[in-house]
Amino acid sequence: MIELQDFVDWEIKRLNEFSGKNNEESKPWDVVKLVEEVGELAGEVLGHSGLVRKEKLGNFSKLSLGDEVADVIIVACILARRHGVDVVDALEKKVEIIRGRRYND
């Protein structure tokens, strides 16, 4: 996770330089980018499930699905970082909540 956080900090700096915007100005774009990436992931899942047009079926692979999952995670981490969310802390807390859930008790 530390390497991912370092990468996210590096990528935020590159994005800010590229766009000419600071973190505050970029926050709305992070949400739009996350929605875009989730849409691409949804397309991959549909493709893997055979729920796309026949001519598109050959365009999906385990690698492409992994790429889209990674894109969603990275963009979500960028969004979190710009909003001051500690992703490791948030994940640890959420995991504990989920571990405490009971299903069909």
PDB file of N, CA and C in Angstrom:
ATOM      1  N   MET A   1       0.832  -1.206   0.000  1.00  0.00           N
ATOM      2  CA  MET A   1       0.000   0.000   0.000  1.00  0.00           C
ATOM      3  C   MET A   1       0.868   1.259   0.000  1.00  0.00           C
ATOM      4  N   ILE A   2       2.020   1.207   0.643  1.00  0.00           N
ATOM      5  CA  ILE A   2       2.892   2.383   0.678  1.00  0.00           C
ATOM      6  C   ILE A   2       3.353   2.746  -0.726  1.00  0.00           C
ATOM      7  N   GLU A   3       3.702   1.733  -1.518  1.00  0.00           N
ATOM      8  CA  GLU A   3       4.109   1.997  -2.898  1.00  0.00           C
ATOM      9  C   GLU A   3       2.960   2.598  -3.705  1.00  0.00           C
ATOM     10  N   LEU A   4       1.752   2.112  -3.476  1.00  0.00           N
ATOM     11  CA  LEU A   4       0.588   2.668  -4.166  1.00  0.00           C
ATOM     12  C   LEU A   4       0.374   4.122  -3.762  1.00  0.00           C
ATOM     13  N   GLN A   5       0.500   4.416  -2.478  1.00  0.00           N
ATOM     14  CA  GLN A   5       0.333   5.796  -2.017  1.00  0.00           C
ATOM     15  C   GLN A   5       1.412   6.705  -2.618  1.00  0.00           C
ATOM     16  N   ASP A   6       2.643   6.216  -2.683  1.00  0.00           N
ATOM     17  CA  ASP A   6       3.718   7.003  -3.304  1.00  0.00           C
ATOM     18  C   ASP A   6       3.415   7.251  -4.780  1.00  0.00           C
ATOM     19  N   PHE A   7       2.926   6.212  -5.471  1.00  0.00           N
ATOM     20  CA  PHE A   7       2.557   6.362  -6.874  1.00  0.00           C
ATOM     21  C   PHE A   7       1.443   7.388  -7.031  1.00  0.00           C
ATOM     22  N   VAL A   8       0.442   7.318  -6.162  1.00  0.00           N
ATOM     23  CA  VAL A   8      -0.693   8.247  -6.231  1.00  0.00           C
ATOM     24  C   VAL A   8      -0.204   9.682  -6.048  1.00  0.00           C
ATOM     25  N   ASP A   9       0.676   9.919  -5.092  1.00  0.00           N
ATOM     26  CA  ASP A   9       1.227  11.265  -4.894  1.00  0.00           C
ATOM     27  C   ASP A   9       1.971  11.740  -6.141  1.00  0.00           C
ATOM     28  N   TRP A  10       2.749  10.850  -6.727  1.00  0.00           N
ATOM     29  CA  TRP A  10       3.503  11.168  -7.942  1.00  0.00           C
ATOM     30  C   TRP A  10       2.552  11.485  -9.096  1.00  0.00           C
ATOM     31  N   GLU A  11       1.513  10.671  -9.243  1.00  0.00           N
ATOM     32  CA  GLU A  11       0.558  10.867 -10.337  1.00  0.00           C
ATOM     33  C   GLU A  11      -0.256  12.144 -10.146  1.00  0.00           C
ATOM     34  N   ILE A  12      -0.620  12.474  -8.923  1.00  0.00           N
ATOM     35  CA  ILE A  12      -1.339  13.729  -8.660  1.00  0.00           C
ATOM     36  C   ILE A  12      -0.483  14.914  -9.097  1.00  0.00           C
ATOM     37  N   LYS A  13       0.791  14.872  -8.764  1.00  0.00           N
ATOM     38  CA  LYS A  13       1.693  15.956  -9.163  1.00  0.00           C
ATOM     39  C   LYS A  13       1.741  16.073 -10.687  1.00  0.00           C
ATOM     40  N   ARG A  14       1.863  14.939 -11.373  1.00  0.00           N
ATOM     41  CA  ARG A  14       1.889  14.955 -12.846  1.00  0.00           C
ATOM     42  C   ARG A  14       0.581  15.476 -13.425  1.00  0.00           C
ATOM     43  N   LEU A  15      -0.547  15.039 -12.864  1.00  0.00           N
ATOM     44  CA  LEU A  15      -1.852  15.497 -13.353  1.00  0.00           C
ATOM     45  C   LEU A  15      -2.021  16.993 -13.149  1.00  0.00           C
ATOM     46  N   ASN A  16      -1.587  17.495 -11.991  1.00  0.00           N
ATOM     47  CA  ASN A  16      -1.693  18.926 -11.723  1.00  0.00           C
ATOM     48  C   ASN A  16      -0.838  19.727 -12.697  1.00  0.00           C
ATOM     49  N   GLU A  17       0.383  19.249 -12.957  1.00  0.00           N
ATOM     50  CA  GLU A  17       1.258  19.940 -13.913  1.00  0.00           C
ATOM     51  C   GLU A  17       0.663  19.921 -15.308  1.00  0.00           C
ATOM     52  N   PHE A  18       0.114  18.767 -15.712  1.00  0.00           N
ATOM     53  CA  PHE A  18      -0.470  18.622 -17.040  1.00  0.00           C
ATOM     54  C   PHE A  18      -1.682  19.530 -17.217  1.00  0.00           C
ATOM     55  N   SER A  19      -2.549  19.553 -16.203  1.00  0.00           N
ATOM     56  CA  SER A  19      -3.805  20.300 -16.324  1.00  0.00           C
ATOM     57  C   SER A  19      -3.659  21.776 -15.974  1.00  0.00           C
ATOM     58  N   GLY A  20      -2.599  22.118 -15.241  1.00  0.00           N
ATOM     59  CA  GLY A  20      -2.446  23.501 -14.774  1.00  0.00           C
ATOM     60  C   GLY A  20      -3.396  23.825 -13.637  1.00  0.00           C
ATOM     61  N   LYS A  21      -3.965  22.794 -13.032  1.00  0.00           N
ATOM     62  CA  LYS A  21      -4.915  22.984 -11.925  1.00  0.00           C
ATOM     63  C   LYS A  21      -4.296  22.444 -10.639  1.00  0.00           C
ATOM     64  N   ASN A  22      -4.750  22.968  -9.510  1.00  0.00           N
ATOM     65  CA  ASN A  22      -4.290  22.454  -8.227  1.00  0.00           C
ATOM     66  C   ASN A  22      -5.255  21.365  -7.745  1.00  0.00           C
ATOM     67  N   ASN A  23      -4.936  20.787  -6.587  1.00  0.00           N
ATOM     68  CA  ASN A  23      -5.774  19.703  -6.062  1.00  0.00           C
ATOM     69  C   ASN A  23      -7.227  20.119  -5.892  1.00  0.00           C
ATOM     70  N   GLU A  24      -7.448  21.304  -5.351  1.00  0.00           N
ATOM     71  CA  GLU A  24      -8.820  21.764  -5.091  1.00  0.00           C
ATOM     72  C   GLU A  24      -9.605  21.892  -6.396  1.00  0.00           C
ATOM     73  N   GLU A  25      -8.972  22.452  -7.415  1.00  0.00           N
ATOM     74  CA  GLU A  25      -9.636  22.631  -8.705  1.00  0.00           C
ATOM     75  C   GLU A  25      -9.892  21.290  -9.408  1.00  0.00           C
ATOM     76  N   SER A  26      -9.101  20.291  -9.087  1.00  0.00           N
ATOM     77  CA  SER A  26      -9.199  18.995  -9.766  1.00  0.00           C
ATOM     78  C   SER A  26     -10.186  18.036  -9.124  1.00  0.00           C
ATOM     79  N   LYS A  27     -10.636  18.327  -7.911  1.00  0.00           N
ATOM     80  CA  LYS A  27     -11.523  17.399  -7.201  1.00  0.00           C
ATOM     81  C   LYS A  27     -12.755  17.006  -8.015  1.00  0.00           C
ATOM     82  N   PRO A  28     -13.473  17.932  -8.645  1.00  0.00           N
ATOM     83  CA  PRO A  28     -14.654  17.510  -9.424  1.00  0.00           C
ATOM     84  C   PRO A  28     -14.290  16.592 -10.589  1.00  0.00           C
ATOM     85  N   TRP A  29     -13.141  16.802 -11.190  1.00  0.00           N
ATOM     86  CA  TRP A  29     -12.734  15.973 -12.320  1.00  0.00           C
ATOM     87  C   TRP A  29     -12.420  14.550 -11.874  1.00  0.00           C
ATOM     88  N   ASP A  30     -11.938  14.389 -10.643  1.00  0.00           N
ATOM     89  CA  ASP A  30     -11.653  13.046 -10.134  1.00  0.00           C
ATOM     90  C   ASP A  30     -12.915  12.198 -10.080  1.00  0.00           C
ATOM     91  N   VAL A  31     -14.022  12.805  -9.710  1.00  0.00           N
ATOM     92  CA  VAL A  31     -15.286  12.060  -9.646  1.00  0.00           C
ATOM     93  C   VAL A  31     -15.716  11.655 -11.058  1.00  0.00           C
ATOM     94  N   VAL A  32     -15.597  12.557 -12.001  1.00  0.00           N
ATOM     95  CA  VAL A  32     -15.958  12.257 -13.385  1.00  0.00           C
ATOM     96  C   VAL A  32     -15.073  11.137 -13.922  1.00  0.00           C
ATOM     97  N   LYS A  33     -13.778  11.216 -13.635  1.00  0.00           N
ATOM     98  CA  LYS A  33     -12.838  10.190 -14.095  1.00  0.00           C
ATOM     99  C   LYS A  33     -13.164   8.841 -13.459  1.00  0.00           C
ATOM    100  N   LEU A  34     -13.529   8.835 -12.184  1.00  0.00           N
ATOM    101  CA  LEU A  34     -13.883   7.587 -11.520  1.00  0.00           C
ATOM    102  C   LEU A  34     -15.113   6.953 -12.169  1.00  0.00           C
ATOM    103  N   VAL A  35     -16.105   7.762 -12.474  1.00  0.00           N
ATOM    104  CA  VAL A  35     -17.312   7.256 -13.142  1.00  0.00           C
ATOM    105  C   VAL A  35     -16.952   6.681 -14.516  1.00  0.00           C
ATOM    106  N   GLU A  36     -16.083   7.366 -15.221  1.00  0.00           N
ATOM    107  CA  GLU A  36     -15.633   6.869 -16.529  1.00  0.00           C
ATOM    108  C   GLU A  36     -14.964   5.494 -16.382  1.00  0.00           C
ATOM    109  N   GLU A  37     -14.067   5.381 -15.423  1.00  0.00           N
ATOM    110  CA  GLU A  37     -13.353   4.120 -15.230  1.00  0.00           C
ATOM    111  C   GLU A  37     -14.287   2.998 -14.779  1.00  0.00           C
ATOM    112  N   VAL A  38     -15.247   3.308 -13.924  1.00  0.00           N
ATOM    113  CA  VAL A  38     -16.228   2.293 -13.504  1.00  0.00           C
ATOM    114  C   VAL A  38     -17.044   1.842 -14.715  1.00  0.00           C
ATOM    115  N   GLY A  39     -17.384   2.778 -15.599  1.00  0.00           N
ATOM    116  CA  GLY A  39     -18.103   2.415 -16.822  1.00  0.00           C
ATOM    117  C   GLY A  39     -17.291   1.476 -17.694  1.00  0.00           C
ATOM    118  N   GLU A  40     -15.989   1.736 -17.807  1.00  0.00           N
ATOM    119  CA  GLU A  40     -15.130   0.853 -18.591  1.00  0.00           C
ATOM    120  C   GLU A  40     -15.035  -0.528 -17.935  1.00  0.00           C
ATOM    121  N   LEU A  41     -14.962  -0.558 -16.613  1.00  0.00           N
ATOM    122  CA  LEU A  41     -14.951  -1.834 -15.895  1.00  0.00           C
ATOM    123  C   LEU A  41     -16.260  -2.584 -16.125  1.00  0.00           C
ATOM    124  N   ALA A  42     -17.364  -1.879 -16.090  1.00  0.00           N
ATOM    125  CA  ALA A  42     -18.662  -2.513 -16.346  1.00  0.00           C
ATOM    126  C   ALA A  42     -18.698  -3.120 -17.743  1.00  0.00           C
ATOM    127  N   GLY A  43     -18.147  -2.428 -18.713  1.00  0.00           N
ATOM    128  CA  GLY A  43     -18.079  -2.964 -20.073  1.00  0.00           C
ATOM    129  C   GLY A  43     -17.264  -4.249 -20.137  1.00  0.00           C
ATOM    130  N   GLU A  44     -16.156  -4.267 -19.402  1.00  0.00           N
ATOM    131  CA  GLU A  44     -15.334  -5.483 -19.347  1.00  0.00           C
ATOM    132  C   GLU A  44     -16.094  -6.647 -18.716  1.00  0.00           C
ATOM    133  N   VAL A  45     -16.786  -6.364 -17.629  1.00  0.00           N
ATOM    134  CA  VAL A  45     -17.551  -7.425 -16.951  1.00  0.00           C
ATOM    135  C   VAL A  45     -18.638  -7.957 -17.883  1.00  0.00           C
ATOM    136  N   LEU A  46     -19.320  -7.051 -18.561  1.00  0.00           N
ATOM    137  CA  LEU A  46     -20.336  -7.493 -19.517  1.00  0.00           C
ATOM    138  C   LEU A  46     -19.717  -8.342 -20.620  1.00  0.00           C
ATOM    139  N   GLY A  47     -18.547  -7.931 -21.091  1.00  0.00           N
ATOM    140  CA  GLY A  47     -17.858  -8.695 -22.129  1.00  0.00           C
ATOM    141  C   GLY A  47     -17.472 -10.075 -21.658  1.00  0.00           C
ATOM    142  N   HIS A  48     -16.972 -10.169 -20.452  1.00  0.00           N
ATOM    143  CA  HIS A  48     -16.596 -11.468 -19.888  1.00  0.00           C
ATOM    144  C   HIS A  48     -17.810 -12.352 -19.650  1.00  0.00           C
ATOM    145  N   SER A  49     -18.943 -11.731 -19.477  1.00  0.00           N
ATOM    146  CA  SER A  49     -20.181 -12.484 -19.253  1.00  0.00           C
ATOM    147  C   SER A  49     -20.888 -12.825 -20.557  1.00  0.00           C
ATOM    148  N   GLY A  50     -20.329 -12.385 -21.675  1.00  0.00           N
ATOM    149  CA  GLY A  50     -20.936 -12.653 -22.966  1.00  0.00           C
ATOM    150  C   GLY A  50     -22.143 -11.792 -23.259  1.00  0.00           C
ATOM    151  N   LEU A  51     -22.270 -10.678 -22.555  1.00  0.00           N
ATOM    152  CA  LEU A  51     -23.452  -9.822 -22.699  1.00  0.00           C
ATOM    153  C   LEU A  51     -23.184  -8.596 -23.570  1.00  0.00           C
ATOM    154  N   VAL A  52     -22.380  -8.791 -24.614  1.00  0.00           N
ATOM    155  CA  VAL A  52     -22.112  -7.728 -25.587  1.00  0.00           C
ATOM    156  C   VAL A  52     -22.381  -8.298 -26.978  1.00  0.00           C
ATOM    157  N   ARG A  53     -22.393  -7.410 -27.961  1.00  0.00           N
ATOM    158  CA  ARG A  53     -22.599  -7.873 -29.338  1.00  0.00           C
ATOM    159  C   ARG A  53     -21.530  -8.896 -29.729  1.00  0.00           C
ATOM    160  N   LYS A  54     -21.891  -9.846 -30.550  1.00  0.00           N
ATOM    161  CA  LYS A  54     -20.984 -10.943 -30.929  1.00  0.00           C
ATOM    162  C   LYS A  54     -19.661 -10.437 -31.487  1.00  0.00           C
ATOM    163  N   GLU A  55     -19.696  -9.354 -32.251  1.00  0.00           N
ATOM    164  CA  GLU A  55     -18.458  -8.851 -32.861  1.00  0.00           C
ATOM    165  C   GLU A  55     -17.490  -8.264 -31.835  1.00  0.00           C
ATOM    166  N   LYS A  56     -17.960  -8.001 -30.629  1.00  0.00           N
ATOM    167  CA  LYS A  56     -17.103  -7.464 -29.575  1.00  0.00           C
ATOM    168  C   LYS A  56     -16.563  -8.542 -28.635  1.00  0.00           C
ATOM    169  N   LEU A  57     -17.074  -9.750 -28.723  1.00  0.00           N
ATOM    170  CA  LEU A  57     -16.725 -10.792 -27.755  1.00  0.00           C
ATOM    171  C   LEU A  57     -15.231 -11.091 -27.691  1.00  0.00           C
ATOM    172  N   GLY A  58     -14.516 -10.996 -28.776  1.00  0.00           N
ATOM    173  CA  GLY A  58     -13.085 -11.302 -28.788  1.00  0.00           C
ATOM    174  C   GLY A  58     -12.206 -10.233 -28.180  1.00  0.00           C
ATOM    175  N   ASN A  59     -12.783  -9.120 -27.761  1.00  0.00           N
ATOM    176  CA  ASN A  59     -11.999  -7.984 -27.253  1.00  0.00           C
ATOM    177  C   ASN A  59     -11.733  -8.033 -25.755  1.00  0.00           C
ATOM    178  N   PHE A  60     -12.132  -9.081 -25.083  1.00  0.00           N
ATOM    179  CA  PHE A  60     -12.052  -9.114 -23.628  1.00  0.00           C
ATOM    180  C   PHE A  60     -11.116 -10.220 -23.171  1.00  0.00           C
ATOM    181  N   SER A  61     -10.304  -9.902 -22.177  1.00  0.00           N
ATOM    182  CA  SER A  61      -9.375 -10.884 -21.637  1.00  0.00           C
ATOM    183  C   SER A  61      -9.244 -10.669 -20.130  1.00  0.00           C
ATOM    184  N   LYS A  62      -8.632 -11.637 -19.486  1.00  0.00           N
ATOM    185  CA  LYS A  62      -8.374 -11.509 -18.052  1.00  0.00           C
ATOM    186  C   LYS A  62      -7.470 -10.298 -17.795  1.00  0.00           C
ATOM    187  N   LEU A  63      -6.520 -10.071 -18.692  1.00  0.00           N
ATOM    188  CA  LEU A  63      -5.609  -8.936 -18.565  1.00  0.00           C
ATOM    189  C   LEU A  63      -6.365  -7.615 -18.679  1.00  0.00           C
ATOM    190  N   SER A  64      -7.267  -7.506 -19.648  1.00  0.00           N
ATOM    191  CA  SER A  64      -8.001  -6.248 -19.816  1.00  0.00           C
ATOM    192  C   SER A  64      -8.937  -5.993 -18.640  1.00  0.00           C
ATOM    193  N   LEU A  65      -9.513  -7.052 -18.084  1.00  0.00           N
ATOM    194  CA  LEU A  65     -10.353  -6.886 -16.892  1.00  0.00           C
ATOM    195  C   LEU A  65      -9.509  -6.398 -15.723  1.00  0.00           C
ATOM    196  N   GLY A  66      -8.340  -6.973 -15.545  1.00  0.00           N
ATOM    197  CA  GLY A  66      -7.428  -6.536 -14.486  1.00  0.00           C
ATOM    198  C   GLY A  66      -7.007  -5.091 -14.656  1.00  0.00           C
ATOM    199  N   ASP A  67      -6.750  -4.679 -15.897  1.00  0.00           N
ATOM    200  CA  ASP A  67      -6.384  -3.284 -16.166  1.00  0.00           C
ATOM    201  C   ASP A  67      -7.484  -2.330 -15.717  1.00  0.00           C
ATOM    202  N   GLU A  68      -8.724  -2.691 -16.005  1.00  0.00           N
ATOM    203  CA  GLU A  68      -9.839  -1.814 -15.635  1.00  0.00           C
ATOM    204  C   GLU A  68     -10.048  -1.780 -14.118  1.00  0.00           C
ATOM    205  N   VAL A  69      -9.879  -2.919 -13.457  1.00  0.00           N
ATOM    206  CA  VAL A  69      -9.964  -2.935 -11.989  1.00  0.00           C
ATOM    207  C   VAL A  69      -8.879  -2.025 -11.413  1.00  0.00           C
ATOM    208  N   ALA A  70      -7.663  -2.136 -11.939  1.00  0.00           N
ATOM    209  CA  ALA A  70      -6.558  -1.307 -11.461  1.00  0.00           C
ATOM    210  C   ALA A  70      -6.839   0.177 -11.685  1.00  0.00           C
ATOM    211  N   ASP A  71      -7.392   0.528 -12.846  1.00  0.00           N
ATOM    212  CA  ASP A  71      -7.730   1.929 -13.121  1.00  0.00           C
ATOM    213  C   ASP A  71      -8.708   2.476 -12.087  1.00  0.00           C
ATOM    214  N   VAL A  72      -9.731   1.691 -11.758  1.00  0.00           N
ATOM    215  CA  VAL A  72     -10.722   2.129 -10.766  1.00  0.00           C
ATOM    216  C   VAL A  72     -10.053   2.347  -9.414  1.00  0.00           C
ATOM    217  N   ILE A  73      -9.200   1.420  -9.006  1.00  0.00           N
ATOM    218  CA  ILE A  73      -8.524   1.544  -7.711  1.00  0.00           C
ATOM    219  C   ILE A  73      -7.627   2.774  -7.680  1.00  0.00           C
ATOM    220  N   ILE A  74      -6.847   2.982  -8.725  1.00  0.00           N
ATOM    221  CA  ILE A  74      -5.929   4.126  -8.762  1.00  0.00           C
ATOM    222  C   ILE A  74      -6.690   5.441  -8.730  1.00  0.00           C
ATOM    223  N   VAL A  75      -7.716   5.566  -9.554  1.00  0.00           N
ATOM    224  CA  VAL A  75      -8.476   6.822  -9.589  1.00  0.00           C
ATOM    225  C   VAL A  75      -9.188   7.051  -8.252  1.00  0.00           C
ATOM    226  N   ALA A  76      -9.710   5.991  -7.640  1.00  0.00           N
ATOM    227  CA  ALA A  76     -10.345   6.135  -6.324  1.00  0.00           C
ATOM    228  C   ALA A  76      -9.323   6.601  -5.283  1.00  0.00           C
ATOM    229  N   CYS A  77      -8.104   6.084  -5.371  1.00  0.00           N
ATOM    230  CA  CYS A  77      -7.052   6.514  -4.434  1.00  0.00           C
ATOM    231  C   CYS A  77      -6.657   7.972  -4.662  1.00  0.00           C
ATOM    232  N   ILE A  78      -6.616   8.393  -5.908  1.00  0.00           N
ATOM    233  CA  ILE A  78      -6.326   9.802  -6.215  1.00  0.00           C
ATOM    234  C   ILE A  78      -7.416  10.690  -5.631  1.00  0.00           C
ATOM    235  N   LEU A  79      -8.663  10.319  -5.859  1.00  0.00           N
ATOM    236  CA  LEU A  79      -9.790  11.080  -5.321  1.00  0.00           C
ATOM    237  C   LEU A  79      -9.695  11.158  -3.794  1.00  0.00           C
ATOM    238  N   ALA A  80      -9.431  10.035  -3.162  1.00  0.00           N
ATOM    239  CA  ALA A  80      -9.335  10.008  -1.697  1.00  0.00           C
ATOM    240  C   ALA A  80      -8.213  10.906  -1.209  1.00  0.00           C
ATOM    241  N   ARG A  81      -7.061  10.812  -1.839  1.00  0.00           N
ATOM    242  CA  ARG A  81      -5.899  11.593  -1.410  1.00  0.00           C
ATOM    243  C   ARG A  81      -6.188  13.091  -1.514  1.00  0.00           C
ATOM    244  N   ARG A  82      -6.802  13.506  -2.624  1.00  0.00           N
ATOM    245  CA  ARG A  82      -7.095  14.937  -2.794  1.00  0.00           C
ATOM    246  C   ARG A  82      -8.088  15.439  -1.746  1.00  0.00           C
ATOM    247  N   HIS A  83      -8.896  14.534  -1.207  1.00  0.00           N
ATOM    248  CA  HIS A  83      -9.883  14.899  -0.184  1.00  0.00           C
ATOM    249  C   HIS A  83      -9.377  14.642   1.228  1.00  0.00           C
ATOM    250  N   GLY A  84      -8.111  14.269   1.351  1.00  0.00           N
ATOM    251  CA  GLY A  84      -7.517  14.077   2.666  1.00  0.00           C
ATOM    252  C   GLY A  84      -7.907  12.786   3.357  1.00  0.00           C
ATOM    253  N   VAL A  85      -8.359  11.810   2.594  1.00  0.00           N
ATOM    254  CA  VAL A  85      -8.744  10.517   3.167  1.00  0.00           C
ATOM    255  C   VAL A  85      -7.522   9.606   3.188  1.00  0.00           C
ATOM    256  N   ASP A  86      -7.232   9.026   4.337  1.00  0.00           N
ATOM    257  CA  ASP A  86      -6.177   8.027   4.469  1.00  0.00           C
ATOM    258  C   ASP A  86      -6.777   6.692   4.036  1.00  0.00           C
ATOM    259  N   VAL A  87      -6.401   6.225   2.858  1.00  0.00           N
ATOM    260  CA  VAL A  87      -7.007   5.030   2.275  1.00  0.00           C
ATOM    261  C   VAL A  87      -6.734   3.797   3.131  1.00  0.00           C
ATOM    262  N   VAL A  88      -5.523   3.660   3.634  1.00  0.00           N
ATOM    263  CA  VAL A  88      -5.194   2.495   4.458  1.00  0.00           C
ATOM    264  C   VAL A  88      -6.075   2.473   5.701  1.00  0.00           C
ATOM    265  N   ASP A  89      -6.187   3.601   6.374  1.00  0.00           N
ATOM    266  CA  ASP A  89      -7.024   3.684   7.569  1.00  0.00           C
ATOM    267  C   ASP A  89      -8.486   3.401   7.231  1.00  0.00           C
ATOM    268  N   ALA A  90      -8.965   3.993   6.146  1.00  0.00           N
ATOM    269  CA  ALA A  90     -10.361   3.788   5.743  1.00  0.00           C
ATOM    270  C   ALA A  90     -10.630   2.319   5.419  1.00  0.00           C
ATOM    271  N   LEU A  91      -9.704   1.676   4.727  1.00  0.00           N
ATOM    272  CA  LEU A  91      -9.878   0.266   4.387  1.00  0.00           C
ATOM    273  C   LEU A  91      -9.861  -0.614   5.633  1.00  0.00           C
ATOM    274  N   GLU A  92      -8.943  -0.331   6.548  1.00  0.00           N
ATOM    275  CA  GLU A  92      -8.883  -1.121   7.778  1.00  0.00           C
ATOM    276  C   GLU A  92     -10.186  -1.013   8.562  1.00  0.00           C
ATOM    277  N   LYS A  93     -10.721   0.195   8.670  1.00  0.00           N
ATOM    278  CA  LYS A  93     -11.985   0.386   9.384  1.00  0.00           C
ATOM    279  C   LYS A  93     -13.135  -0.323   8.690  1.00  0.00           C
ATOM    280  N   LYS A  94     -13.178  -0.223   7.372  1.00  0.00           N
ATOM    281  CA  LYS A  94     -14.267  -0.855   6.619  1.00  0.00           C
ATOM    282  C   LYS A  94     -14.178  -2.377   6.689  1.00  0.00           C
ATOM    283  N   VAL A  95     -12.967  -2.919   6.635  1.00  0.00           N
ATOM    284  CA  VAL A  95     -12.794  -4.368   6.743  1.00  0.00           C
ATOM    285  C   VAL A  95     -13.330  -4.866   8.078  1.00  0.00           C
ATOM    286  N   GLU A  96     -13.059  -4.134   9.136  1.00  0.00           N
ATOM    287  CA  GLU A  96     -13.572  -4.529  10.459  1.00  0.00           C
ATOM    288  C   GLU A  96     -15.100  -4.497  10.498  1.00  0.00           C
ATOM    289  N   ILE A  97     -15.681  -3.495   9.883  1.00  0.00           N
ATOM    290  CA  ILE A  97     -17.147  -3.416   9.818  1.00  0.00           C
ATOM    291  C   ILE A  97     -17.701  -4.611   9.055  1.00  0.00           C
ATOM    292  N   ILE A  98     -17.090  -4.910   7.928  1.00  0.00           N
ATOM    293  CA  ILE A  98     -17.568  -6.027   7.104  1.00  0.00           C
ATOM    294  C   ILE A  98     -17.384  -7.355   7.831  1.00  0.00           C
ATOM    295  N   ARG A  99     -16.270  -7.507   8.513  1.00  0.00           N
ATOM    296  CA  ARG A  99     -16.037  -8.749   9.278  1.00  0.00           C
ATOM    297  C   ARG A  99     -17.116  -8.949  10.346  1.00  0.00           C
ATOM    298  N   GLY A 100     -17.641  -7.882  10.870  1.00  0.00           N
ATOM    299  CA  GLY A 100     -18.660  -7.968  11.909  1.00  0.00           C
ATOM    300  C   GLY A 100     -20.057  -8.240  11.394  1.00  0.00           C
ATOM    301  N   ARG A 101     -20.233  -8.175  10.087  1.00  0.00           N
ATOM    302  CA  ARG A 101     -21.569  -8.428   9.506  1.00  0.00           C
ATOM    303  C   ARG A 101     -21.916  -9.900   9.590  1.00  0.00           C
ATOM    304  N   ARG A 102     -23.174 -10.141   9.798  1.00  0.00           N
ATOM    305  CA  ARG A 102     -23.681 -11.516   9.807  1.00  0.00           C
ATOM    306  C   ARG A 102     -24.719 -11.640   8.705  1.00  0.00           C
ATOM    307  N   TYR A 103     -24.584 -12.700   7.954  1.00  0.00           N
ATOM    308  CA  TYR A 103     -25.509 -12.958   6.864  1.00  0.00           C
ATOM    309  C   TYR A 103     -26.358 -14.184   7.214  1.00  0.00           C
ATOM    310  N   ASN A 104     -27.642 -14.049   7.019  1.00  0.00           N
ATOM    311  CA  ASN A 104     -28.579 -15.160   7.220  1.00  0.00           C
ATOM    312  C   ASN A 104     -28.496 -15.765   8.619  1.00  0.00           C
ATOM    313  N   ASP A 105     -28.341 -14.958   9.625  1.00  0.00           N
ATOM    314  CA  ASP A 105     -28.328 -15.474  11.004  1.00  0.00           C
ATOM    315  C   ASP A 105     -29.722 -15.600  11.546  1.00  0.00           C
TER     316      ASP A 105
END
